[in-house]
Amino acid sequence: MQIPQVLEEDTSSCQDGVGAATSDTVEEEHIIQLEELFARLNTSADNGLTEVQARNLYAVNGPNAITPLQQRSEIVKFFRHLVGGFSLLLLAASVLSFVAYAIQIYADNIPDTEENL
């Protein structure tokens, strides 16, 4: 199995080699050899990042935490449920039922209650 060619990166603008693997690179870290990945990230499996590299990455990227989803208000949730999916189908069916009932009233003047049951 042959590994695809890796794009060379310009690390001259990086401080202490930190930031070498940014969004400009092709995301292929999962398929390259470990030695190449460590060289790209300027680290090792034994020692990890230096204190300076860790501080620089923290300053650039922020904490390693999942950001919570933005909460929607209850009224927005209600209206999203009101106009989405199956509720629109039920709304259309009820409108058609009232239209059919109105047509029957105007056609017969008074609908027979026995026929509607």
PDB file of N, CA and C in Angstrom:
ATOM      1  N   MET A   1       0.846  -1.176   0.000  1.00  0.00           N
ATOM      2  CA  MET A   1       0.000   0.000   0.000  1.00  0.00           C
ATOM      3  C   MET A   1       0.887   1.232   0.000  1.00  0.00           C
ATOM      4  N   GLN A   2       0.624   2.132  -0.922  1.00  0.00           N
ATOM      5  CA  GLN A   2       1.446   3.323  -1.055  1.00  0.00           C
ATOM      6  C   GLN A   2       0.763   4.502  -0.388  1.00  0.00           C
ATOM      7  N   ILE A   3       1.539   5.267   0.387  1.00  0.00           N
ATOM      8  CA  ILE A   3       1.015   6.439   1.082  1.00  0.00           C
ATOM      9  C   ILE A   3       1.074   7.621   0.130  1.00  0.00           C
ATOM     10  N   PRO A   4       0.004   8.440   0.060  1.00  0.00           N
ATOM     11  CA  PRO A   4       0.006   9.577  -0.854  1.00  0.00           C
ATOM     12  C   PRO A   4       1.078  10.595  -0.495  1.00  0.00           C
ATOM     13  N   GLN A   5       1.481  11.358  -1.493  1.00  0.00           N
ATOM     14  CA  GLN A   5       2.517  12.366  -1.316  1.00  0.00           C
ATOM     15  C   GLN A   5       2.023  13.469  -0.392  1.00  0.00           C
ATOM     16  N   VAL A   6       2.855  13.870   0.537  1.00  0.00           N
ATOM     17  CA  VAL A   6       2.502  14.891   1.517  1.00  0.00           C
ATOM     18  C   VAL A   6       2.913  16.251   0.981  1.00  0.00           C
ATOM     19  N   LEU A   7       2.020  17.234   1.140  1.00  0.00           N
ATOM     20  CA  LEU A   7       2.335  18.597   0.730  1.00  0.00           C
ATOM     21  C   LEU A   7       3.315  19.210   1.711  1.00  0.00           C
ATOM     22  N   GLU A   8       4.313  19.908   1.188  1.00  0.00           N
ATOM     23  CA  GLU A   8       5.275  20.583   2.051  1.00  0.00           C
ATOM     24  C   GLU A   8       4.648  21.860   2.574  1.00  0.00           C
ATOM     25  N   GLU A   9       4.957  22.190   3.828  1.00  0.00           N
ATOM     26  CA  GLU A   9       4.389  23.356   4.454  1.00  0.00           C
ATOM     27  C   GLU A   9       5.453  24.399   4.688  1.00  0.00           C
ATOM     28  N   ASP A  10       5.049  25.656   4.708  1.00  0.00           N
ATOM     29  CA  ASP A  10       5.952  26.747   5.027  1.00  0.00           C
ATOM     30  C   ASP A  10       5.850  26.996   6.515  1.00  0.00           C
ATOM     31  N   THR A  11       6.889  26.577   7.257  1.00  0.00           N
ATOM     32  CA  THR A  11       6.882  26.746   8.707  1.00  0.00           C
ATOM     33  C   THR A  11       7.713  27.940   9.135  1.00  0.00           C
ATOM     34  N   SER A  12       8.100  28.794   8.185  1.00  0.00           N
ATOM     35  CA  SER A  12       8.938  29.942   8.540  1.00  0.00           C
ATOM     36  C   SER A  12       8.183  30.962   9.370  1.00  0.00           C
ATOM     37  N   SER A  13       6.858  31.027   9.218  1.00  0.00           N
ATOM     38  CA  SER A  13       6.076  31.991   9.987  1.00  0.00           C
ATOM     39  C   SER A  13       5.661  31.450  11.341  1.00  0.00           C
ATOM     40  N   CYS A  14       5.991  30.191  11.643  1.00  0.00           N
ATOM     41  CA  CYS A  14       5.599  29.578  12.905  1.00  0.00           C
ATOM     42  C   CYS A  14       6.645  29.865  13.974  1.00  0.00           C
ATOM     43  N   GLN A  15       6.197  30.049  15.191  1.00  0.00           N
ATOM     44  CA  GLN A  15       7.103  30.259  16.305  1.00  0.00           C
ATOM     45  C   GLN A  15       7.435  28.912  16.914  1.00  0.00           C
ATOM     46  N   ASP A  16       8.710  28.588  17.002  1.00  0.00           N
ATOM     47  CA  ASP A  16       9.188  27.337  17.590  1.00  0.00           C
ATOM     48  C   ASP A  16       8.578  26.119  16.906  1.00  0.00           C
ATOM     49  N   GLY A  17       8.176  26.247  15.646  1.00  0.00           N
ATOM     50  CA  GLY A  17       7.588  25.123  14.929  1.00  0.00           C
ATOM     51  C   GLY A  17       6.151  24.854  15.311  1.00  0.00           C
ATOM     52  N   VAL A  18       5.603  25.617  16.244  1.00  0.00           N
ATOM     53  CA  VAL A  18       4.218  25.419  16.668  1.00  0.00           C
ATOM     54  C   VAL A  18       3.309  25.975  15.589  1.00  0.00           C
ATOM     55  N   GLY A  19       2.277  25.257  15.276  1.00  0.00           N
ATOM     56  CA  GLY A  19       1.341  25.701  14.260  1.00  0.00           C
ATOM     57  C   GLY A  19       1.696  25.195  12.889  1.00  0.00           C
ATOM     58  N   ALA A  20       2.659  24.293  12.804  1.00  0.00           N
ATOM     59  CA  ALA A  20       3.059  23.770  11.507  1.00  0.00           C
ATOM     60  C   ALA A  20       1.920  23.008  10.846  1.00  0.00           C
ATOM     61  N   ALA A  21       1.110  22.330  11.632  1.00  0.00           N
ATOM     62  CA  ALA A  21      -0.025  21.591  11.080  1.00  0.00           C
ATOM     63  C   ALA A  21      -1.288  22.391  11.347  1.00  0.00           C
ATOM     64  N   THR A  22      -1.560  23.350  10.491  1.00  0.00           N
ATOM     65  CA  THR A  22      -2.740  24.196  10.648  1.00  0.00           C
ATOM     66  C   THR A  22      -3.755  23.840   9.595  1.00  0.00           C
ATOM     67  N   SER A  23      -4.748  24.676   9.437  1.00  0.00           N
ATOM     68  CA  SER A  23      -5.810  24.401   8.478  1.00  0.00           C
ATOM     69  C   SER A  23      -5.312  24.507   7.038  1.00  0.00           C
ATOM     70  N   ASP A  24      -4.103  25.030   6.816  1.00  0.00           N
ATOM     71  CA  ASP A  24      -3.549  25.111   5.466  1.00  0.00           C
ATOM     72  C   ASP A  24      -3.088  23.752   4.966  1.00  0.00           C
ATOM     73  N   THR A  25      -2.848  22.817   5.854  1.00  0.00           N
ATOM     74  CA  THR A  25      -2.315  21.520   5.459  1.00  0.00           C
ATOM     75  C   THR A  25      -3.441  20.587   5.059  1.00  0.00           C
ATOM     76  N   VAL A  26      -3.068  19.564   4.337  1.00  0.00           N
ATOM     77  CA  VAL A  26      -4.026  18.524   3.987  1.00  0.00           C
ATOM     78  C   VAL A  26      -4.208  17.652   5.224  1.00  0.00           C
ATOM     79  N   GLU A  27      -5.437  17.398   5.597  1.00  0.00           N
ATOM     80  CA  GLU A  27      -5.699  16.614   6.799  1.00  0.00           C
ATOM     81  C   GLU A  27      -5.505  15.138   6.496  1.00  0.00           C
ATOM     82  N   GLU A  28      -4.287  14.699   6.673  1.00  0.00           N
ATOM     83  CA  GLU A  28      -3.963  13.305   6.408  1.00  0.00           C
ATOM     84  C   GLU A  28      -3.152  12.720   7.546  1.00  0.00           C
ATOM     85  N   GLU A  29      -3.266  13.278   8.726  1.00  0.00           N
ATOM     86  CA  GLU A  29      -2.501  12.797   9.861  1.00  0.00           C
ATOM     87  C   GLU A  29      -2.823  11.351  10.200  1.00  0.00           C
ATOM     88  N   HIS A  30      -3.967  10.886   9.817  1.00  0.00           N
ATOM     89  CA  HIS A  30      -4.367   9.525  10.133  1.00  0.00           C
ATOM     90  C   HIS A  30      -3.757   8.482   9.210  1.00  0.00           C
ATOM     91  N   ILE A  31      -3.100   8.914   8.125  1.00  0.00           N
ATOM     92  CA  ILE A  31      -2.558   7.930   7.188  1.00  0.00           C
ATOM     93  C   ILE A  31      -1.046   8.017   7.019  1.00  0.00           C
ATOM     94  N   ILE A  32      -0.394   9.030   7.586  1.00  0.00           N
ATOM     95  CA  ILE A  32       1.062   9.136   7.421  1.00  0.00           C
ATOM     96  C   ILE A  32       1.766   8.350   8.517  1.00  0.00           C
ATOM     97  N   GLN A  33       3.056   8.097   8.323  1.00  0.00           N
ATOM     98  CA  GLN A  33       3.859   7.383   9.304  1.00  0.00           C
ATOM     99  C   GLN A  33       4.017   8.231  10.564  1.00  0.00           C
ATOM    100  N   LEU A  34       4.161   7.571  11.702  1.00  0.00           N
ATOM    101  CA  LEU A  34       4.263   8.285  12.973  1.00  0.00           C
ATOM    102  C   LEU A  34       5.487   9.203  13.028  1.00  0.00           C
ATOM    103  N   GLU A  35       6.609   8.737  12.508  1.00  0.00           N
ATOM    104  CA  GLU A  35       7.825   9.549  12.543  1.00  0.00           C
ATOM    105  C   GLU A  35       7.621  10.853  11.781  1.00  0.00           C
ATOM    106  N   GLU A  36       6.946  10.777  10.651  1.00  0.00           N
ATOM    107  CA  GLU A  36       6.675  11.971   9.857  1.00  0.00           C
ATOM    108  C   GLU A  36       5.703  12.900  10.589  1.00  0.00           C
ATOM    109  N   LEU A  37       4.719  12.325  11.256  1.00  0.00           N
ATOM    110  CA  LEU A  37       3.771  13.129  12.015  1.00  0.00           C
ATOM    111  C   LEU A  37       4.459  13.850  13.164  1.00  0.00           C
ATOM    112  N   PHE A  38       5.348  13.151  13.890  1.00  0.00           N
ATOM    113  CA  PHE A  38       6.075  13.787  14.989  1.00  0.00           C
ATOM    114  C   PHE A  38       6.975  14.898  14.466  1.00  0.00           C
ATOM    115  N   ALA A  39       7.596  14.678  13.307  1.00  0.00           N
ATOM    116  CA  ALA A  39       8.446  15.713  12.729  1.00  0.00           C
ATOM    117  C   ALA A  39       7.614  16.917  12.306  1.00  0.00           C
ATOM    118  N   ARG A  40       6.448  16.664  11.762  1.00  0.00           N
ATOM    119  CA  ARG A  40       5.569  17.745  11.326  1.00  0.00           C
ATOM    120  C   ARG A  40       5.077  18.587  12.506  1.00  0.00           C
ATOM    121  N   LEU A  41       4.777  17.923  13.608  1.00  0.00           N
ATOM    122  CA  LEU A  41       4.266  18.620  14.786  1.00  0.00           C
ATOM    123  C   LEU A  41       5.368  19.059  15.742  1.00  0.00           C
ATOM    124  N   ASN A  42       6.628  18.751  15.389  1.00  0.00           N
ATOM    125  CA  ASN A  42       7.799  19.140  16.181  1.00  0.00           C
ATOM    126  C   ASN A  42       7.667  18.628  17.619  1.00  0.00           C
ATOM    127  N   THR A  43       7.424  17.319  17.758  1.00  0.00           N
ATOM    128  CA  THR A  43       7.260  16.690  19.067  1.00  0.00           C
ATOM    129  C   THR A  43       7.760  15.259  18.988  1.00  0.00           C
ATOM    130  N   SER A  44       7.625  14.511  20.063  1.00  0.00           N
ATOM    131  CA  SER A  44       7.978  13.098  20.069  1.00  0.00           C
ATOM    132  C   SER A  44       6.974  12.343  20.923  1.00  0.00           C
ATOM    133  N   ALA A  45       6.961  11.016  20.741  1.00  0.00           N
ATOM    134  CA  ALA A  45       6.028  10.201  21.508  1.00  0.00           C
ATOM    135  C   ALA A  45       6.477  10.072  22.953  1.00  0.00           C
ATOM    136  N   ASP A  46       7.764  10.156  23.199  1.00  0.00           N
ATOM    137  CA  ASP A  46       8.289  10.003  24.559  1.00  0.00           C
ATOM    138  C   ASP A  46       8.134  11.263  25.398  1.00  0.00           C
ATOM    139  N   ASN A  47       8.445  12.415  24.812  1.00  0.00           N
ATOM    140  CA  ASN A  47       8.484  13.657  25.590  1.00  0.00           C
ATOM    141  C   ASN A  47       7.254  14.533  25.419  1.00  0.00           C
ATOM    142  N   GLY A  48       6.581  14.447  24.319  1.00  0.00           N
ATOM    143  CA  GLY A  48       5.427  15.298  24.068  1.00  0.00           C
ATOM    144  C   GLY A  48       5.839  16.720  23.740  1.00  0.00           C
ATOM    145  N   LEU A  49       4.960  17.676  23.942  1.00  0.00           N
ATOM    146  CA  LEU A  49       5.249  19.075  23.657  1.00  0.00           C
ATOM    147  C   LEU A  49       6.066  19.680  24.784  1.00  0.00           C
ATOM    148  N   THR A  50       6.875  20.671  24.434  1.00  0.00           N
ATOM    149  CA  THR A  50       7.581  21.422  25.462  1.00  0.00           C
ATOM    150  C   THR A  50       6.596  22.394  26.109  1.00  0.00           C
ATOM    151  N   GLU A  51       6.998  22.969  27.221  1.00  0.00           N
ATOM    152  CA  GLU A  51       6.134  23.919  27.923  1.00  0.00           C
ATOM    153  C   GLU A  51       5.847  25.140  27.060  1.00  0.00           C
ATOM    154  N   VAL A  52       6.850  25.588  26.312  1.00  0.00           N
ATOM    155  CA  VAL A  52       6.675  26.759  25.437  1.00  0.00           C
ATOM    156  C   VAL A  52       5.704  26.436  24.313  1.00  0.00           C
ATOM    157  N   GLN A  53       5.850  25.267  23.700  1.00  0.00           N
ATOM    158  CA  GLN A  53       4.948  24.867  22.622  1.00  0.00           C
ATOM    159  C   GLN A  53       3.511  24.746  23.144  1.00  0.00           C
ATOM    160  N   ALA A  54       3.360  24.163  24.324  1.00  0.00           N
ATOM    161  CA  ALA A  54       2.014  24.003  24.883  1.00  0.00           C
ATOM    162  C   ALA A  54       1.385  25.367  25.160  1.00  0.00           C
ATOM    163  N   ARG A  55       2.135  26.307  25.703  1.00  0.00           N
ATOM    164  CA  ARG A  55       1.597  27.648  25.963  1.00  0.00           C
ATOM    165  C   ARG A  55       1.236  28.350  24.666  1.00  0.00           C
ATOM    166  N   ASN A  56       2.094  28.227  23.644  1.00  0.00           N
ATOM    167  CA  ASN A  56       1.802  28.865  22.349  1.00  0.00           C
ATOM    168  C   ASN A  56       0.554  28.267  21.706  1.00  0.00           C
ATOM    169  N   LEU A  57       0.418  26.953  21.750  1.00  0.00           N
ATOM    170  CA  LEU A  57      -0.775  26.315  21.188  1.00  0.00           C
ATOM    171  C   LEU A  57      -2.024  26.708  21.961  1.00  0.00           C
ATOM    172  N   TYR A  58      -1.900  26.837  23.282  1.00  0.00           N
ATOM    173  CA  TYR A  58      -3.039  27.259  24.096  1.00  0.00           C
ATOM    174  C   TYR A  58      -3.430  28.689  23.758  1.00  0.00           C
ATOM    175  N   ALA A  59      -2.431  29.556  23.523  1.00  0.00           N
ATOM    176  CA  ALA A  59      -2.724  30.946  23.182  1.00  0.00           C
ATOM    177  C   ALA A  59      -3.381  31.050  21.815  1.00  0.00           C
ATOM    178  N   VAL A  60      -2.971  30.208  20.880  1.00  0.00           N
ATOM    179  CA  VAL A  60      -3.516  30.253  19.517  1.00  0.00           C
ATOM    180  C   VAL A  60      -4.886  29.589  19.448  1.00  0.00           C
ATOM    181  N   ASN A  61      -5.020  28.381  20.017  1.00  0.00           N
ATOM    182  CA  ASN A  61      -6.227  27.574  19.834  1.00  0.00           C
ATOM    183  C   ASN A  61      -7.192  27.609  21.006  1.00  0.00           C
ATOM    184  N   GLY A  62      -6.775  28.074  22.152  1.00  0.00           N
ATOM    185  CA  GLY A  62      -7.643  28.079  23.326  1.00  0.00           C
ATOM    186  C   GLY A  62      -7.624  26.737  24.026  1.00  0.00           C
ATOM    187  N   PRO A  63      -8.458  26.554  25.028  1.00  0.00           N
ATOM    188  CA  PRO A  63      -8.463  25.291  25.779  1.00  0.00           C
ATOM    189  C   PRO A  63      -8.998  24.144  24.937  1.00  0.00           C
ATOM    190  N   ASN A  64      -8.562  22.961  25.289  1.00  0.00           N
ATOM    191  CA  ASN A  64      -8.996  21.750  24.603  1.00  0.00           C
ATOM    192  C   ASN A  64     -10.317  21.306  25.216  1.00  0.00           C
ATOM    193  N   ALA A  65     -11.392  21.984  24.825  1.00  0.00           N
ATOM    194  CA  ALA A  65     -12.704  21.702  25.394  1.00  0.00           C
ATOM    195  C   ALA A  65     -13.763  21.811  24.309  1.00  0.00           C
ATOM    196  N   ILE A  66     -14.801  21.041  24.466  1.00  0.00           N
ATOM    197  CA  ILE A  66     -15.920  21.084  23.528  1.00  0.00           C
ATOM    198  C   ILE A  66     -16.790  22.283  23.881  1.00  0.00           C
ATOM    199  N   THR A  67     -17.105  23.080  22.891  1.00  0.00           N
ATOM    200  CA  THR A  67     -17.954  24.236  23.145  1.00  0.00           C
ATOM    201  C   THR A  67     -19.410  23.776  23.190  1.00  0.00           C
ATOM    202  N   PRO A  68     -20.173  24.261  24.152  1.00  0.00           N
ATOM    203  CA  PRO A  68     -21.572  23.834  24.240  1.00  0.00           C
ATOM    204  C   PRO A  68     -22.400  24.411  23.100  1.00  0.00           C
ATOM    205  N   LEU A  69     -23.459  23.703  22.760  1.00  0.00           N
ATOM    206  CA  LEU A  69     -24.363  24.178  21.725  1.00  0.00           C
ATOM    207  C   LEU A  69     -25.109  25.408  22.205  1.00  0.00           C
ATOM    208  N   GLN A  70     -25.433  26.273  21.278  1.00  0.00           N
ATOM    209  CA  GLN A  70     -26.195  27.456  21.624  1.00  0.00           C
ATOM    210  C   GLN A  70     -27.629  27.031  21.942  1.00  0.00           C
ATOM    211  N   GLN A  71     -28.122  27.442  23.098  1.00  0.00           N
ATOM    212  CA  GLN A  71     -29.464  27.069  23.528  1.00  0.00           C
ATOM    213  C   GLN A  71     -30.504  27.944  22.833  1.00  0.00           C
ATOM    214  N   ARG A  72     -31.586  27.325  22.400  1.00  0.00           N
ATOM    215  CA  ARG A  72     -32.691  28.054  21.786  1.00  0.00           C
ATOM    216  C   ARG A  72     -33.761  28.298  22.830  1.00  0.00           C
ATOM    217  N   SER A  73     -34.467  29.398  22.683  1.00  0.00           N
ATOM    218  CA  SER A  73     -35.541  29.685  23.629  1.00  0.00           C
ATOM    219  C   SER A  73     -36.698  28.719  23.389  1.00  0.00           C
ATOM    220  N   GLU A  74     -37.537  28.600  24.386  1.00  0.00           N
ATOM    221  CA  GLU A  74     -38.664  27.670  24.305  1.00  0.00           C
ATOM    222  C   GLU A  74     -39.665  28.073  23.223  1.00  0.00           C
ATOM    223  N   ILE A  75     -39.852  29.366  23.012  1.00  0.00           N
ATOM    224  CA  ILE A  75     -40.798  29.828  21.991  1.00  0.00           C
ATOM    225  C   ILE A  75     -40.283  29.480  20.592  1.00  0.00           C
ATOM    226  N   VAL A  76     -38.970  29.570  20.386  1.00  0.00           N
ATOM    227  CA  VAL A  76     -38.389  29.197  19.090  1.00  0.00           C
ATOM    228  C   VAL A  76     -38.548  27.701  18.863  1.00  0.00           C
ATOM    229  N   LYS A  77     -38.322  26.903  19.906  1.00  0.00           N
ATOM    230  CA  LYS A  77     -38.503  25.455  19.784  1.00  0.00           C
ATOM    231  C   LYS A  77     -39.955  25.120  19.435  1.00  0.00           C
ATOM    232  N   PHE A  78     -40.899  25.823  20.085  1.00  0.00           N
ATOM    233  CA  PHE A  78     -42.316  25.584  19.825  1.00  0.00           C
ATOM    234  C   PHE A  78     -42.663  25.865  18.366  1.00  0.00           C
ATOM    235  N   PHE A  79     -42.228  27.019  17.842  1.00  0.00           N
ATOM    236  CA  PHE A  79     -42.551  27.360  16.458  1.00  0.00           C
ATOM    237  C   PHE A  79     -41.840  26.461  15.459  1.00  0.00           C
ATOM    238  N   ARG A  80     -40.645  25.974  15.798  1.00  0.00           N
ATOM    239  CA  ARG A  80     -39.963  25.030  14.906  1.00  0.00           C
ATOM    240  C   ARG A  80     -40.734  23.720  14.819  1.00  0.00           C
ATOM    241  N   HIS A  81     -41.293  23.266  15.951  1.00  0.00           N
ATOM    242  CA  HIS A  81     -42.114  22.053  15.930  1.00  0.00           C
ATOM    243  C   HIS A  81     -43.439  22.301  15.235  1.00  0.00           C
ATOM    244  N   LEU A  82     -43.936  23.512  15.346  1.00  0.00           N
ATOM    245  CA  LEU A  82     -45.234  23.848  14.765  1.00  0.00           C
ATOM    246  C   LEU A  82     -45.183  23.837  13.238  1.00  0.00           C
ATOM    247  N   VAL A  83     -44.089  24.271  12.652  1.00  0.00           N
ATOM    248  CA  VAL A  83     -44.016  24.396  11.198  1.00  0.00           C
ATOM    249  C   VAL A  83     -43.106  23.352  10.558  1.00  0.00           C
ATOM    250  N   GLY A  84     -42.733  22.335  11.258  1.00  0.00           N
ATOM    251  CA  GLY A  84     -41.822  21.360  10.684  1.00  0.00           C
ATOM    252  C   GLY A  84     -42.418  19.973  10.594  1.00  0.00           C
ATOM    253  N   GLY A  85     -42.044  19.266   9.537  1.00  0.00           N
ATOM    254  CA  GLY A  85     -42.347  17.849   9.405  1.00  0.00           C
ATOM    255  C   GLY A  85     -43.806  17.489   9.307  1.00  0.00           C
ATOM    256  N   PHE A  86     -44.211  16.542  10.144  1.00  0.00           N
ATOM    257  CA  PHE A  86     -45.546  15.954  10.074  1.00  0.00           C
ATOM    258  C   PHE A  86     -46.639  16.941  10.462  1.00  0.00           C
ATOM    259  N   SER A  87     -46.310  17.930  11.283  1.00  0.00           N
ATOM    260  CA  SER A  87     -47.333  18.890  11.705  1.00  0.00           C
ATOM    261  C   SER A  87     -47.847  19.711  10.522  1.00  0.00           C
ATOM    262  N   LEU A  88     -46.995  19.998   9.543  1.00  0.00           N
ATOM    263  CA  LEU A  88     -47.468  20.708   8.348  1.00  0.00           C
ATOM    264  C   LEU A  88     -48.429  19.851   7.540  1.00  0.00           C
ATOM    265  N   LEU A  89     -48.174  18.564   7.496  1.00  0.00           N
ATOM    266  CA  LEU A  89     -49.069  17.650   6.796  1.00  0.00           C
ATOM    267  C   LEU A  89     -50.440  17.614   7.480  1.00  0.00           C
ATOM    268  N   LEU A  90     -50.432  17.562   8.799  1.00  0.00           N
ATOM    269  CA  LEU A  90     -51.703  17.579   9.537  1.00  0.00           C
ATOM    270  C   LEU A  90     -52.434  18.902   9.363  1.00  0.00           C
ATOM    271  N   LEU A  91     -51.693  19.994   9.343  1.00  0.00           N
ATOM    272  CA  LEU A  91     -52.304  21.308   9.138  1.00  0.00           C
ATOM    273  C   LEU A  91     -52.947  21.399   7.750  1.00  0.00           C
ATOM    274  N   ALA A  92     -52.251  20.910   6.731  1.00  0.00           N
ATOM    275  CA  ALA A  92     -52.805  20.923   5.371  1.00  0.00           C
ATOM    276  C   ALA A  92     -54.049  20.045   5.286  1.00  0.00           C
ATOM    277  N   ALA A  93     -54.046  18.886   5.947  1.00  0.00           N
ATOM    278  CA  ALA A  93     -55.211  17.998   5.931  1.00  0.00           C
ATOM    279  C   ALA A  93     -56.403  18.648   6.625  1.00  0.00           C
ATOM    280  N   SER A  94     -56.165  19.362   7.715  1.00  0.00           N
ATOM    281  CA  SER A  94     -57.275  20.016   8.402  1.00  0.00           C
ATOM    282  C   SER A  94     -57.837  21.158   7.569  1.00  0.00           C
ATOM    283  N   VAL A  95     -56.991  21.894   6.869  1.00  0.00           N
ATOM    284  CA  VAL A  95     -57.469  22.966   5.994  1.00  0.00           C
ATOM    285  C   VAL A  95     -58.318  22.378   4.877  1.00  0.00           C
ATOM    286  N   LEU A  96     -57.851  21.284   4.281  1.00  0.00           N
ATOM    287  CA  LEU A  96     -58.629  20.633   3.224  1.00  0.00           C
ATOM    288  C   LEU A  96     -59.966  20.114   3.756  1.00  0.00           C
ATOM    289  N   SER A  97     -59.993  19.615   4.990  1.00  0.00           N
ATOM    290  CA  SER A  97     -61.255  19.145   5.578  1.00  0.00           C
ATOM    291  C   SER A  97     -62.241  20.287   5.733  1.00  0.00           C
ATOM    292  N   PHE A  98     -61.770  21.443   6.209  1.00  0.00           N
ATOM    293  CA  PHE A  98     -62.655  22.593   6.355  1.00  0.00           C
ATOM    294  C   PHE A  98     -63.125  23.122   5.002  1.00  0.00           C
ATOM    295  N   VAL A  99     -62.264  23.077   3.998  1.00  0.00           N
ATOM    296  CA  VAL A  99     -62.667  23.506   2.658  1.00  0.00           C
ATOM    297  C   VAL A  99     -63.739  22.564   2.113  1.00  0.00           C
ATOM    298  N   ALA A 100     -63.549  21.266   2.295  1.00  0.00           N
ATOM    299  CA  ALA A 100     -64.544  20.295   1.823  1.00  0.00           C
ATOM    300  C   ALA A 100     -65.861  20.475   2.572  1.00  0.00           C
ATOM    301  N   TYR A 101     -65.794  20.755   3.856  1.00  0.00           N
ATOM    302  CA  TYR A 101     -67.000  20.985   4.640  1.00  0.00           C
ATOM    303  C   TYR A 101     -67.710  22.251   4.174  1.00  0.00           C
ATOM    304  N   ALA A 102     -66.942  23.317   3.879  1.00  0.00           N
ATOM    305  CA  ALA A 102     -67.548  24.566   3.394  1.00  0.00           C
ATOM    306  C   ALA A 102     -68.207  24.357   2.037  1.00  0.00           C
ATOM    307  N   ILE A 103     -67.575  23.573   1.165  1.00  0.00           N
ATOM    308  CA  ILE A 103     -68.175  23.280  -0.141  1.00  0.00           C
ATOM    309  C   ILE A 103     -69.478  22.513   0.038  1.00  0.00           C
ATOM    310  N   GLN A 104     -69.496  21.589   0.970  1.00  0.00           N
ATOM    311  CA  GLN A 104     -70.705  20.804   1.216  1.00  0.00           C
ATOM    312  C   GLN A 104     -71.817  21.693   1.766  1.00  0.00           C
ATOM    313  N   ILE A 105     -71.495  22.622   2.642  1.00  0.00           N
ATOM    314  CA  ILE A 105     -72.508  23.531   3.191  1.00  0.00           C
ATOM    315  C   ILE A 105     -73.120  24.376   2.075  1.00  0.00           C
ATOM    316  N   TYR A 106     -72.277  24.937   1.225  1.00  0.00           N
ATOM    317  CA  TYR A 106     -72.797  25.790   0.162  1.00  0.00           C
ATOM    318  C   TYR A 106     -73.529  24.986  -0.906  1.00  0.00           C
ATOM    319  N   ALA A 107     -73.172  23.740  -1.102  1.00  0.00           N
ATOM    320  CA  ALA A 107     -73.850  22.915  -2.099  1.00  0.00           C
ATOM    321  C   ALA A 107     -75.208  22.431  -1.593  1.00  0.00           C
ATOM    322  N   ASP A 108     -75.313  22.095  -0.356  1.00  0.00           N
ATOM    323  CA  ASP A 108     -76.549  21.526   0.196  1.00  0.00           C
ATOM    324  C   ASP A 108     -77.314  22.511   1.069  1.00  0.00           C
ATOM    325  N   ASN A 109     -76.788  23.654   1.317  1.00  0.00           N
ATOM    326  CA  ASN A 109     -77.320  24.659   2.231  1.00  0.00           C
ATOM    327  C   ASN A 109     -77.211  24.211   3.684  1.00  0.00           C
ATOM    328  N   ILE A 110     -77.672  23.047   4.029  1.00  0.00           N
ATOM    329  CA  ILE A 110     -77.534  22.535   5.397  1.00  0.00           C
ATOM    330  C   ILE A 110     -77.038  21.087   5.272  1.00  0.00           C
ATOM    331  N   PRO A 111     -75.894  20.800   5.879  1.00  0.00           N
ATOM    332  CA  PRO A 111     -75.411  19.425   5.756  1.00  0.00           C
ATOM    333  C   PRO A 111     -76.218  18.457   6.621  1.00  0.00           C
ATOM    334  N   ASP A 112     -76.375  17.277   6.144  1.00  0.00           N
ATOM    335  CA  ASP A 112     -77.079  16.242   6.896  1.00  0.00           C
ATOM    336  C   ASP A 112     -76.098  15.673   7.918  1.00  0.00           C
ATOM    337  N   THR A 113     -76.433  15.782   9.191  1.00  0.00           N
ATOM    338  CA  THR A 113     -75.528  15.334  10.244  1.00  0.00           C
ATOM    339  C   THR A 113     -75.362  13.824  10.256  1.00  0.00           C
ATOM    340  N   GLU A 114     -76.333  13.084   9.740  1.00  0.00           N
ATOM    341  CA  GLU A 114     -76.226  11.637   9.709  1.00  0.00           C
ATOM    342  C   GLU A 114     -75.157  11.191   8.706  1.00  0.00           C
ATOM    343  N   GLU A 115     -74.968  11.920   7.615  1.00  0.00           N
ATOM    344  CA  GLU A 115     -74.003  11.540   6.602  1.00  0.00           C
ATOM    345  C   GLU A 115     -72.571  11.826   7.029  1.00  0.00           C
ATOM    346  N   ASN A 116     -72.369  12.786   7.935  1.00  0.00           N
ATOM    347  CA  ASN A 116     -71.019  13.141   8.360  1.00  0.00           C
ATOM    348  C   ASN A 116     -70.462  12.202   9.397  1.00  0.00           C
ATOM    349  N   LEU A 117     -71.305  11.367   9.977  1.00  0.00           N
ATOM    350  CA  LEU A 117     -70.820  10.450  10.983  1.00  0.00           C
ATOM    351  C   LEU A 117     -70.276   9.262  10.295  1.00  0.00           C
TER     352      LEU A 117
END
